[in-house]
Amino acid sequence: MVLEHALLAVRPGDEEKFEAALDEALGVIGGAEGCGTVKVLRGIESTSTYLLLVEWASVEAHNEGFRKSEAFLRWRELVSPWWVELPVVEHFAAVAERTA
């Protein structure tokens, strides 16, 4: 499993519109093959910044599967109108974990 991390910078004042689009948009990602949990968090100090976290079976499931699909185009159509800039996307693999 790999974790996709993307910071989404939303135009100030458009946060409610962006958040309204998330329900459908997360359904689009969540329906992709190889996708696990999908989560979006909103910044506390920077309230127009959102963190997208998506668990994928592999980097290929994300880059070759989802990003080259019609579903990816739908995802972008739903959420990108409120972005200030394109997000920087990175993938991470766990090296340590502890549960309380």
PDB file of N, CA and C in Angstrom:
ATOM      1  N   MET A   1       0.829  -1.174   0.000  1.00  0.00           N
ATOM      2  CA  MET A   1       0.000   0.000   0.000  1.00  0.00           C
ATOM      3  C   MET A   1       0.875   1.240   0.000  1.00  0.00           C
ATOM      4  N   VAL A   2       0.482   2.218  -0.792  1.00  0.00           N
ATOM      5  CA  VAL A   2       1.167   3.510  -0.807  1.00  0.00           C
ATOM      6  C   VAL A   2       0.133   4.588  -0.514  1.00  0.00           C
ATOM      7  N   LEU A   3       0.612   5.694   0.009  1.00  0.00           N
ATOM      8  CA  LEU A   3      -0.265   6.803   0.349  1.00  0.00           C
ATOM      9  C   LEU A   3       0.041   7.979  -0.565  1.00  0.00           C
ATOM     10  N   GLU A   4      -0.960   8.416  -1.286  1.00  0.00           N
ATOM     11  CA  GLU A   4      -0.850   9.624  -2.107  1.00  0.00           C
ATOM     12  C   GLU A   4      -1.119  10.822  -1.201  1.00  0.00           C
ATOM     13  N   HIS A   5      -0.288  11.832  -1.349  1.00  0.00           N
ATOM     14  CA  HIS A   5      -0.385  13.061  -0.561  1.00  0.00           C
ATOM     15  C   HIS A   5      -0.428  14.207  -1.559  1.00  0.00           C
ATOM     16  N   ALA A   6      -1.484  15.033  -1.490  1.00  0.00           N
ATOM     17  CA  ALA A   6      -1.575  16.183  -2.389  1.00  0.00           C
ATOM     18  C   ALA A   6      -2.105  17.375  -1.610  1.00  0.00           C
ATOM     19  N   LEU A   7      -1.392  18.486  -1.687  1.00  0.00           N
ATOM     20  CA  LEU A   7      -1.868  19.732  -1.088  1.00  0.00           C
ATOM     21  C   LEU A   7      -2.672  20.478  -2.144  1.00  0.00           C
ATOM     22  N   LEU A   8      -3.916  20.799  -1.790  1.00  0.00           N
ATOM     23  CA  LEU A   8      -4.821  21.483  -2.703  1.00  0.00           C
ATOM     24  C   LEU A   8      -5.042  22.901  -2.200  1.00  0.00           C
ATOM     25  N   ALA A   9      -4.552  23.868  -2.928  1.00  0.00           N
ATOM     26  CA  ALA A   9      -4.717  25.281  -2.565  1.00  0.00           C
ATOM     27  C   ALA A   9      -5.969  25.798  -3.256  1.00  0.00           C
ATOM     28  N   VAL A  10      -6.950  26.178  -2.463  1.00  0.00           N
ATOM     29  CA  VAL A  10      -8.234  26.653  -2.968  1.00  0.00           C
ATOM     30  C   VAL A  10      -8.288  28.174  -2.842  1.00  0.00           C
ATOM     31  N   ARG A  11      -8.895  28.806  -3.847  1.00  0.00           N
ATOM     32  CA  ARG A  11      -9.045  30.259  -3.812  1.00  0.00           C
ATOM     33  C   ARG A  11      -9.812  30.671  -2.564  1.00  0.00           C
ATOM     34  N   PRO A  12      -9.277  31.592  -1.773  1.00  0.00           N
ATOM     35  CA  PRO A  12     -10.002  32.081  -0.592  1.00  0.00           C
ATOM     36  C   PRO A  12     -11.393  32.571  -0.990  1.00  0.00           C
ATOM     37  N   GLY A  13     -12.374  32.149  -0.218  1.00  0.00           N
ATOM     38  CA  GLY A  13     -13.755  32.487  -0.504  1.00  0.00           C
ATOM     39  C   GLY A  13     -14.503  31.386  -1.240  1.00  0.00           C
ATOM     40  N   ASP A  14     -13.770  30.430  -1.825  1.00  0.00           N
ATOM     41  CA  ASP A  14     -14.387  29.326  -2.572  1.00  0.00           C
ATOM     42  C   ASP A  14     -14.369  28.009  -1.796  1.00  0.00           C
ATOM     43  N   GLU A  15     -14.028  28.061  -0.525  1.00  0.00           N
ATOM     44  CA  GLU A  15     -13.921  26.835   0.259  1.00  0.00           C
ATOM     45  C   GLU A  15     -15.239  26.051   0.305  1.00  0.00           C
ATOM     46  N   GLU A  16     -16.360  26.740   0.494  1.00  0.00           N
ATOM     47  CA  GLU A  16     -17.653  26.047   0.573  1.00  0.00           C
ATOM     48  C   GLU A  16     -17.996  25.365  -0.748  1.00  0.00           C
ATOM     49  N   LYS A  17     -17.720  26.009  -1.857  1.00  0.00           N
ATOM     50  CA  LYS A  17     -17.981  25.408  -3.169  1.00  0.00           C
ATOM     51  C   LYS A  17     -17.104  24.182  -3.370  1.00  0.00           C
ATOM     52  N   PHE A  18     -15.840  24.300  -3.009  1.00  0.00           N
ATOM     53  CA  PHE A  18     -14.916  23.174  -3.126  1.00  0.00           C
ATOM     54  C   PHE A  18     -15.388  22.002  -2.267  1.00  0.00           C
ATOM     55  N   GLU A  19     -15.729  22.285  -1.022  1.00  0.00           N
ATOM     56  CA  GLU A  19     -16.163  21.225  -0.115  1.00  0.00           C
ATOM     57  C   GLU A  19     -17.457  20.573  -0.588  1.00  0.00           C
ATOM     58  N   ALA A  20     -18.344  21.347  -1.204  1.00  0.00           N
ATOM     59  CA  ALA A  20     -19.590  20.786  -1.732  1.00  0.00           C
ATOM     60  C   ALA A  20     -19.315  19.788  -2.860  1.00  0.00           C
ATOM     61  N   ALA A  21     -18.260  20.019  -3.619  1.00  0.00           N
ATOM     62  CA  ALA A  21     -17.909  19.124  -4.727  1.00  0.00           C
ATOM     63  C   ALA A  21     -17.229  17.842  -4.247  1.00  0.00           C
ATOM     64  N   LEU A  22     -16.744  17.842  -3.018  1.00  0.00           N
ATOM     65  CA  LEU A  22     -15.956  16.702  -2.534  1.00  0.00           C
ATOM     66  C   LEU A  22     -16.742  15.403  -2.430  1.00  0.00           C
ATOM     67  N   ASP A  23     -17.999  15.443  -2.071  1.00  0.00           N
ATOM     68  CA  ASP A  23     -18.758  14.211  -1.905  1.00  0.00           C
ATOM     69  C   ASP A  23     -18.726  13.387  -3.191  1.00  0.00           C
ATOM     70  N   GLU A  24     -19.081  14.010  -4.295  1.00  0.00           N
ATOM     71  CA  GLU A  24     -19.057  13.297  -5.574  1.00  0.00           C
ATOM     72  C   GLU A  24     -17.628  12.982  -6.001  1.00  0.00           C
ATOM     73  N   ALA A  25     -16.731  13.936  -5.812  1.00  0.00           N
ATOM     74  CA  ALA A  25     -15.342  13.743  -6.245  1.00  0.00           C
ATOM     75  C   ALA A  25     -14.677  12.576  -5.522  1.00  0.00           C
ATOM     76  N   LEU A  26     -14.904  12.445  -4.215  1.00  0.00           N
ATOM     77  CA  LEU A  26     -14.300  11.341  -3.472  1.00  0.00           C
ATOM     78  C   LEU A  26     -14.917  10.013  -3.879  1.00  0.00           C
ATOM     79  N   GLY A  27     -16.179  10.027  -4.276  1.00  0.00           N
ATOM     80  CA  GLY A  27     -16.798   8.820  -4.806  1.00  0.00           C
ATOM     81  C   GLY A  27     -16.149   8.373  -6.103  1.00  0.00           C
ATOM     82  N   VAL A  28     -15.748   9.334  -6.914  1.00  0.00           N
ATOM     83  CA  VAL A  28     -15.074   9.027  -8.181  1.00  0.00           C
ATOM     84  C   VAL A  28     -13.730   8.347  -7.905  1.00  0.00           C
ATOM     85  N   ILE A  29     -12.944   8.924  -7.007  1.00  0.00           N
ATOM     86  CA  ILE A  29     -11.653   8.309  -6.674  1.00  0.00           C
ATOM     87  C   ILE A  29     -11.868   6.965  -5.993  1.00  0.00           C
ATOM     88  N   GLY A  30     -12.773   6.934  -5.023  1.00  0.00           N
ATOM     89  CA  GLY A  30     -13.010   5.714  -4.260  1.00  0.00           C
ATOM     90  C   GLY A  30     -13.469   4.542  -5.101  1.00  0.00           C
ATOM     91  N   GLY A  31     -14.045   4.811  -6.251  1.00  0.00           N
ATOM     92  CA  GLY A  31     -14.478   3.742  -7.144  1.00  0.00           C
ATOM     93  C   GLY A  31     -13.390   3.211  -8.055  1.00  0.00           C
ATOM     94  N   ALA A  32     -12.222   3.817  -8.009  1.00  0.00           N
ATOM     95  CA  ALA A  32     -11.124   3.400  -8.891  1.00  0.00           C
ATOM     96  C   ALA A  32     -10.504   2.095  -8.406  1.00  0.00           C
ATOM     97  N   GLU A  33     -10.103   1.279  -9.336  1.00  0.00           N
ATOM     98  CA  GLU A  33      -9.445   0.017  -9.000  1.00  0.00           C
ATOM     99  C   GLU A  33      -8.138   0.297  -8.262  1.00  0.00           C
ATOM    100  N   GLY A  34      -7.924  -0.410  -7.172  1.00  0.00           N
ATOM    101  CA  GLY A  34      -6.698  -0.250  -6.395  1.00  0.00           C
ATOM    102  C   GLY A  34      -6.767   0.843  -5.353  1.00  0.00           C
ATOM    103  N   CYS A  35      -7.923   1.519  -5.245  1.00  0.00           N
ATOM    104  CA  CYS A  35      -8.074   2.607  -4.274  1.00  0.00           C
ATOM    105  C   CYS A  35      -8.635   2.061  -2.973  1.00  0.00           C
ATOM    106  N   GLY A  36      -8.061   2.532  -1.872  1.00  0.00           N
ATOM    107  CA  GLY A  36      -8.561   2.193  -0.545  1.00  0.00           C
ATOM    108  C   GLY A  36      -9.238   3.401   0.060  1.00  0.00           C
ATOM    109  N   THR A  37      -8.770   3.832   1.189  1.00  0.00           N
ATOM    110  CA  THR A  37      -9.333   4.976   1.898  1.00  0.00           C
ATOM    111  C   THR A  37      -9.004   6.289   1.185  1.00  0.00           C
ATOM    112  N   VAL A  38      -9.975   7.192   1.171  1.00  0.00           N
ATOM    113  CA  VAL A  38      -9.800   8.536   0.615  1.00  0.00           C
ATOM    114  C   VAL A  38     -10.220   9.525   1.699  1.00  0.00           C
ATOM    115  N   LYS A  39      -9.362  10.513   1.952  1.00  0.00           N
ATOM    116  CA  LYS A  39      -9.647  11.478   3.010  1.00  0.00           C
ATOM    117  C   LYS A  39      -9.157  12.855   2.578  1.00  0.00           C
ATOM    118  N   VAL A  40      -9.931  13.881   2.935  1.00  0.00           N
ATOM    119  CA  VAL A  40      -9.513  15.262   2.705  1.00  0.00           C
ATOM    120  C   VAL A  40      -9.585  15.983   4.052  1.00  0.00           C
ATOM    121  N   LEU A  41      -8.499  16.667   4.393  1.00  0.00           N
ATOM    122  CA  LEU A  41      -8.422  17.439   5.631  1.00  0.00           C
ATOM    123  C   LEU A  41      -8.237  18.906   5.272  1.00  0.00           C
ATOM    124  N   ARG A  42      -8.814  19.789   6.086  1.00  0.00           N
ATOM    125  CA  ARG A  42      -8.691  21.227   5.857  1.00  0.00           C
ATOM    126  C   ARG A  42      -7.675  21.809   6.823  1.00  0.00           C
ATOM    127  N   GLY A  43      -6.861  22.718   6.335  1.00  0.00           N
ATOM    128  CA  GLY A  43      -5.849  23.360   7.160  1.00  0.00           C
ATOM    129  C   GLY A  43      -6.456  24.157   8.299  1.00  0.00           C
ATOM    130  N   ILE A  44      -5.804  24.121   9.438  1.00  0.00           N
ATOM    131  CA  ILE A  44      -6.240  24.914  10.592  1.00  0.00           C
ATOM    132  C   ILE A  44      -5.687  26.334  10.468  1.00  0.00           C
ATOM    133  N   GLU A  45      -4.384  26.447  10.271  1.00  0.00           N
ATOM    134  CA  GLU A  45      -3.763  27.767  10.129  1.00  0.00           C
ATOM    135  C   GLU A  45      -4.007  28.360   8.744  1.00  0.00           C
ATOM    136  N   SER A  46      -4.018  27.522   7.734  1.00  0.00           N
ATOM    137  CA  SER A  46      -4.243  27.954   6.346  1.00  0.00           C
ATOM    138  C   SER A  46      -5.556  27.335   5.878  1.00  0.00           C
ATOM    139  N   THR A  47      -6.657  28.016   6.140  1.00  0.00           N
ATOM    140  CA  THR A  47      -7.980  27.424   5.930  1.00  0.00           C
ATOM    141  C   THR A  47      -8.387  27.263   4.468  1.00  0.00           C
ATOM    142  N   SER A  48      -7.584  27.758   3.550  1.00  0.00           N
ATOM    143  CA  SER A  48      -7.840  27.560   2.121  1.00  0.00           C
ATOM    144  C   SER A  48      -6.967  26.453   1.554  1.00  0.00           C
ATOM    145  N   THR A  49      -6.245  25.754   2.430  1.00  0.00           N
ATOM    146  CA  THR A  49      -5.384  24.651   2.002  1.00  0.00           C
ATOM    147  C   THR A  49      -5.981  23.345   2.500  1.00  0.00           C
ATOM    148  N   TYR A  50      -6.046  22.375   1.603  1.00  0.00           N
ATOM    149  CA  TYR A  50      -6.599  21.061   1.914  1.00  0.00           C
ATOM    150  C   TYR A  50      -5.546  19.994   1.635  1.00  0.00           C
ATOM    151  N   LEU A  51      -5.603  18.923   2.400  1.00  0.00           N
ATOM    152  CA  LEU A  51      -4.696  17.801   2.224  1.00  0.00           C
ATOM    153  C   LEU A  51      -5.507  16.598   1.774  1.00  0.00           C
ATOM    154  N   LEU A  52      -5.217  16.108   0.588  1.00  0.00           N
ATOM    155  CA  LEU A  52      -5.845  14.903   0.054  1.00  0.00           C
ATOM    156  C   LEU A  52      -4.941  13.724   0.366  1.00  0.00           C
ATOM    157  N   LEU A  53      -5.499  12.696   0.997  1.00  0.00           N
ATOM    158  CA  LEU A  53      -4.770  11.470   1.301  1.00  0.00           C
ATOM    159  C   LEU A  53      -5.538  10.299   0.709  1.00  0.00           C
ATOM    160  N   VAL A  54      -4.878   9.552  -0.153  1.00  0.00           N
ATOM    161  CA  VAL A  54      -5.521   8.408  -0.801  1.00  0.00           C
ATOM    162  C   VAL A  54      -4.605   7.197  -0.668  1.00  0.00           C
ATOM    163  N   GLU A  55      -5.153   6.103  -0.166  1.00  0.00           N
ATOM    164  CA  GLU A  55      -4.408   4.847  -0.113  1.00  0.00           C
ATOM    165  C   GLU A  55      -4.618   4.113  -1.429  1.00  0.00           C
ATOM    166  N   TRP A  56      -3.509   3.738  -2.046  1.00  0.00           N
ATOM    167  CA  TRP A  56      -3.536   2.989  -3.309  1.00  0.00           C
ATOM    168  C   TRP A  56      -2.825   1.660  -3.114  1.00  0.00           C
ATOM    169  N   ALA A  57      -3.228   0.669  -3.868  1.00  0.00           N
ATOM    170  CA  ALA A  57      -2.570  -0.636  -3.826  1.00  0.00           C
ATOM    171  C   ALA A  57      -1.121  -0.503  -4.289  1.00  0.00           C
ATOM    172  N   SER A  58      -0.869   0.438  -5.200  1.00  0.00           N
ATOM    173  CA  SER A  58       0.486   0.664  -5.730  1.00  0.00           C
ATOM    174  C   SER A  58       0.523   2.029  -6.405  1.00  0.00           C
ATOM    175  N   VAL A  59       1.713   2.518  -6.670  1.00  0.00           N
ATOM    176  CA  VAL A  59       1.866   3.772  -7.418  1.00  0.00           C
ATOM    177  C   VAL A  59       1.262   3.602  -8.805  1.00  0.00           C
ATOM    178  N   GLU A  60       1.445   2.425  -9.388  1.00  0.00           N
ATOM    179  CA  GLU A  60       0.907   2.157 -10.726  1.00  0.00           C
ATOM    180  C   GLU A  60      -0.619   2.229 -10.747  1.00  0.00           C
ATOM    181  N   ALA A  61      -1.267   1.750  -9.663  1.00  0.00           N
ATOM    182  CA  ALA A  61      -2.734   1.820  -9.599  1.00  0.00           C
ATOM    183  C   ALA A  61      -3.191   3.272  -9.701  1.00  0.00           C
ATOM    184  N   HIS A  62      -2.418   4.168  -9.117  1.00  0.00           N
ATOM    185  CA  HIS A  62      -2.758   5.584  -9.184  1.00  0.00           C
ATOM    186  C   HIS A  62      -2.352   6.191 -10.527  1.00  0.00           C
ATOM    187  N   ASN A  63      -1.059   6.101 -10.845  1.00  0.00           N
ATOM    188  CA  ASN A  63      -0.530   6.788 -12.031  1.00  0.00           C
ATOM    189  C   ASN A  63      -0.969   6.169 -13.354  1.00  0.00           C
ATOM    190  N   GLU A  64      -0.952   4.870 -13.442  1.00  0.00           N
ATOM    191  CA  GLU A  64      -1.286   4.191 -14.706  1.00  0.00           C
ATOM    192  C   GLU A  64      -2.773   3.863 -14.809  1.00  0.00           C
ATOM    193  N   GLY A  65      -3.387   3.564 -13.673  1.00  0.00           N
ATOM    194  CA  GLY A  65      -4.797   3.207 -13.678  1.00  0.00           C
ATOM    195  C   GLY A  65      -5.693   4.436 -13.611  1.00  0.00           C
ATOM    196  N   PHE A  66      -5.749   5.054 -12.445  1.00  0.00           N
ATOM    197  CA  PHE A  66      -6.671   6.168 -12.235  1.00  0.00           C
ATOM    198  C   PHE A  66      -6.338   7.394 -13.080  1.00  0.00           C
ATOM    199  N   ARG A  67      -5.095   7.820 -13.084  1.00  0.00           N
ATOM    200  CA  ARG A  67      -4.753   9.091 -13.757  1.00  0.00           C
ATOM    201  C   ARG A  67      -4.880   9.034 -15.269  1.00  0.00           C
ATOM    202  N   LYS A  68      -4.958   7.831 -15.831  1.00  0.00           N
ATOM    203  CA  LYS A  68      -5.140   7.699 -17.277  1.00  0.00           C
ATOM    204  C   LYS A  68      -6.561   7.289 -17.634  1.00  0.00           C
ATOM    205  N   SER A  69      -7.484   7.473 -16.679  1.00  0.00           N
ATOM    206  CA  SER A  69      -8.872   7.047 -16.889  1.00  0.00           C
ATOM    207  C   SER A  69      -9.807   8.234 -17.069  1.00  0.00           C
ATOM    208  N   GLU A  70     -11.006   7.934 -17.543  1.00  0.00           N
ATOM    209  CA  GLU A  70     -12.057   8.949 -17.637  1.00  0.00           C
ATOM    210  C   GLU A  70     -12.443   9.447 -16.249  1.00  0.00           C
ATOM    211  N   ALA A  71     -12.327   8.572 -15.252  1.00  0.00           N
ATOM    212  CA  ALA A  71     -12.671   8.963 -13.880  1.00  0.00           C
ATOM    213  C   ALA A  71     -11.773  10.105 -13.399  1.00  0.00           C
ATOM    214  N   PHE A  72     -10.505  10.073 -13.779  1.00  0.00           N
ATOM    215  CA  PHE A  72      -9.598  11.153 -13.389  1.00  0.00           C
ATOM    216  C   PHE A  72     -10.052  12.479 -13.986  1.00  0.00           C
ATOM    217  N   LEU A  73     -10.481  12.443 -15.236  1.00  0.00           N
ATOM    218  CA  LEU A  73     -10.976  13.666 -15.872  1.00  0.00           C
ATOM    219  C   LEU A  73     -12.202  14.205 -15.130  1.00  0.00           C
ATOM    220  N   ARG A  74     -13.072  13.310 -14.686  1.00  0.00           N
ATOM    221  CA  ARG A  74     -14.248  13.723 -13.918  1.00  0.00           C
ATOM    222  C   ARG A  74     -13.834  14.326 -12.580  1.00  0.00           C
ATOM    223  N   TRP A  75     -12.882  13.688 -11.898  1.00  0.00           N
ATOM    224  CA  TRP A  75     -12.355  14.208 -10.621  1.00  0.00           C
ATOM    225  C   TRP A  75     -11.875  15.645 -10.809  1.00  0.00           C
ATOM    226  N   ARG A  76     -11.049  15.859 -11.823  1.00  0.00           N
ATOM    227  CA  ARG A  76     -10.497  17.195 -12.068  1.00  0.00           C
ATOM    228  C   ARG A  76     -11.602  18.190 -12.403  1.00  0.00           C
ATOM    229  N   GLU A  77     -12.571  17.755 -13.177  1.00  0.00           N
ATOM    230  CA  GLU A  77     -13.694  18.617 -13.547  1.00  0.00           C
ATOM    231  C   GLU A  77     -14.460  19.093 -12.303  1.00  0.00           C
ATOM    232  N   LEU A  78     -14.590  18.209 -11.319  1.00  0.00           N
ATOM    233  CA  LEU A  78     -15.345  18.531 -10.113  1.00  0.00           C
ATOM    234  C   LEU A  78     -14.616  19.481  -9.168  1.00  0.00           C
ATOM    235  N   VAL A  79     -13.297  19.301  -9.003  1.00  0.00           N
ATOM    236  CA  VAL A  79     -12.596  20.046  -7.947  1.00  0.00           C
ATOM    237  C   VAL A  79     -11.629  21.127  -8.432  1.00  0.00           C
ATOM    238  N   SER A  80     -11.129  21.028  -9.625  1.00  0.00           N
ATOM    239  CA  SER A  80     -10.098  21.975 -10.064  1.00  0.00           C
ATOM    240  C   SER A  80     -10.574  23.404 -10.299  1.00  0.00           C
ATOM    241  N   PRO A  81     -11.872  23.664 -10.530  1.00  0.00           N
ATOM    242  CA  PRO A  81     -12.261  25.061 -10.742  1.00  0.00           C
ATOM    243  C   PRO A  81     -11.921  25.998  -9.573  1.00  0.00           C
ATOM    244  N   TRP A  82     -11.723  25.436  -8.392  1.00  0.00           N
ATOM    245  CA  TRP A  82     -11.460  26.274  -7.218  1.00  0.00           C
ATOM    246  C   TRP A  82      -9.997  26.282  -6.802  1.00  0.00           C
ATOM    247  N   TRP A  83      -9.141  25.578  -7.531  1.00  0.00           N
ATOM    248  CA  TRP A  83      -7.715  25.544  -7.192  1.00  0.00           C
ATOM    249  C   TRP A  83      -7.028  26.836  -7.607  1.00  0.00           C
ATOM    250  N   VAL A  84      -6.064  27.253  -6.804  1.00  0.00           N
ATOM    251  CA  VAL A  84      -5.224  28.397  -7.134  1.00  0.00           C
ATOM    252  C   VAL A  84      -4.125  27.955  -8.095  1.00  0.00           C
ATOM    253  N   GLU A  85      -3.658  26.735  -7.909  1.00  0.00           N
ATOM    254  CA  GLU A  85      -2.582  26.163  -8.727  1.00  0.00           C
ATOM    255  C   GLU A  85      -2.732  24.655  -8.738  1.00  0.00           C
ATOM    256  N   LEU A  86      -2.030  24.003  -9.644  1.00  0.00           N
ATOM    257  CA  LEU A  86      -2.059  22.545  -9.681  1.00  0.00           C
ATOM    258  C   LEU A  86      -1.402  21.995  -8.416  1.00  0.00           C
ATOM    259  N   PRO A  87      -1.968  20.951  -7.843  1.00  0.00           N
ATOM    260  CA  PRO A  87      -1.381  20.394  -6.619  1.00  0.00           C
ATOM    261  C   PRO A  87      -0.090  19.637  -6.904  1.00  0.00           C
ATOM    262  N   VAL A  88       0.768  19.600  -5.908  1.00  0.00           N
ATOM    263  CA  VAL A  88       1.966  18.757  -5.957  1.00  0.00           C
ATOM    264  C   VAL A  88       1.561  17.426  -5.345  1.00  0.00           C
ATOM    265  N   VAL A  89       1.751  16.354  -6.090  1.00  0.00           N
ATOM    266  CA  VAL A  89       1.344  15.026  -5.653  1.00  0.00           C
ATOM    267  C   VAL A  89       2.587  14.177  -5.420  1.00  0.00           C
ATOM    268  N   GLU A  90       2.637  13.521  -4.272  1.00  0.00           N
ATOM    269  CA  GLU A  90       3.736  12.609  -3.943  1.00  0.00           C
ATOM    270  C   GLU A  90       3.154  11.341  -3.354  1.00  0.00           C
ATOM    271  N   HIS A  91       3.943  10.264  -3.424  1.00  0.00           N
ATOM    272  CA  HIS A  91       3.539   8.981  -2.880  1.00  0.00           C
ATOM    273  C   HIS A  91       4.492   8.606  -1.742  1.00  0.00           C
ATOM    274  N   PHE A  92       3.920   7.984  -0.716  1.00  0.00           N
ATOM    275  CA  PHE A  92       4.700   7.604   0.458  1.00  0.00           C
ATOM    276  C   PHE A  92       4.428   6.159   0.811  1.00  0.00           C
ATOM    277  N   ALA A  93       5.454   5.494   1.357  1.00  0.00           N
ATOM    278  CA  ALA A  93       5.334   4.133   1.870  1.00  0.00           C
ATOM    279  C   ALA A  93       5.662   4.165   3.343  1.00  0.00           C
ATOM    280  N   ALA A  94       4.918   3.411   4.142  1.00  0.00           N
ATOM    281  CA  ALA A  94       5.106   3.400   5.594  1.00  0.00           C
ATOM    282  C   ALA A  94       6.448   2.791   5.966  1.00  0.00           C
ATOM    283  N   VAL A  95       7.098   3.411   6.938  1.00  0.00           N
ATOM    284  CA  VAL A  95       8.331   2.848   7.495  1.00  0.00           C
ATOM    285  C   VAL A  95       8.186   2.578   8.984  1.00  0.00           C
ATOM    286  N   ALA A  96       7.185   3.183   9.612  1.00  0.00           N
ATOM    287  CA  ALA A  96       6.920   2.953  11.034  1.00  0.00           C
ATOM    288  C   ALA A  96       5.498   3.376  11.326  1.00  0.00           C
ATOM    289  N   GLU A  97       4.896   2.722  12.306  1.00  0.00           N
ATOM    290  CA  GLU A  97       3.516   3.076  12.684  1.00  0.00           C
ATOM    291  C   GLU A  97       3.278   2.628  14.115  1.00  0.00           C
ATOM    292  N   ARG A  98       2.468   3.399  14.814  1.00  0.00           N
ATOM    293  CA  ARG A  98       2.087   3.034  16.175  1.00  0.00           C
ATOM    294  C   ARG A  98       0.658   3.499  16.398  1.00  0.00           C
ATOM    295  N   THR A  99      -0.130   2.666  16.981  1.00  0.00           N
ATOM    296  CA  THR A  99      -1.514   2.995  17.291  1.00  0.00           C
ATOM    297  C   THR A  99      -1.649   3.128  18.810  1.00  0.00           C
ATOM    298  N   ALA A 100      -2.333   4.155  19.245  1.00  0.00           N
ATOM    299  CA  ALA A 100      -2.505   4.393  20.679  1.00  0.00           C
ATOM    300  C   ALA A 100      -3.411   3.363  21.299  1.00  0.00           C
TER     301      ALA A 100
END
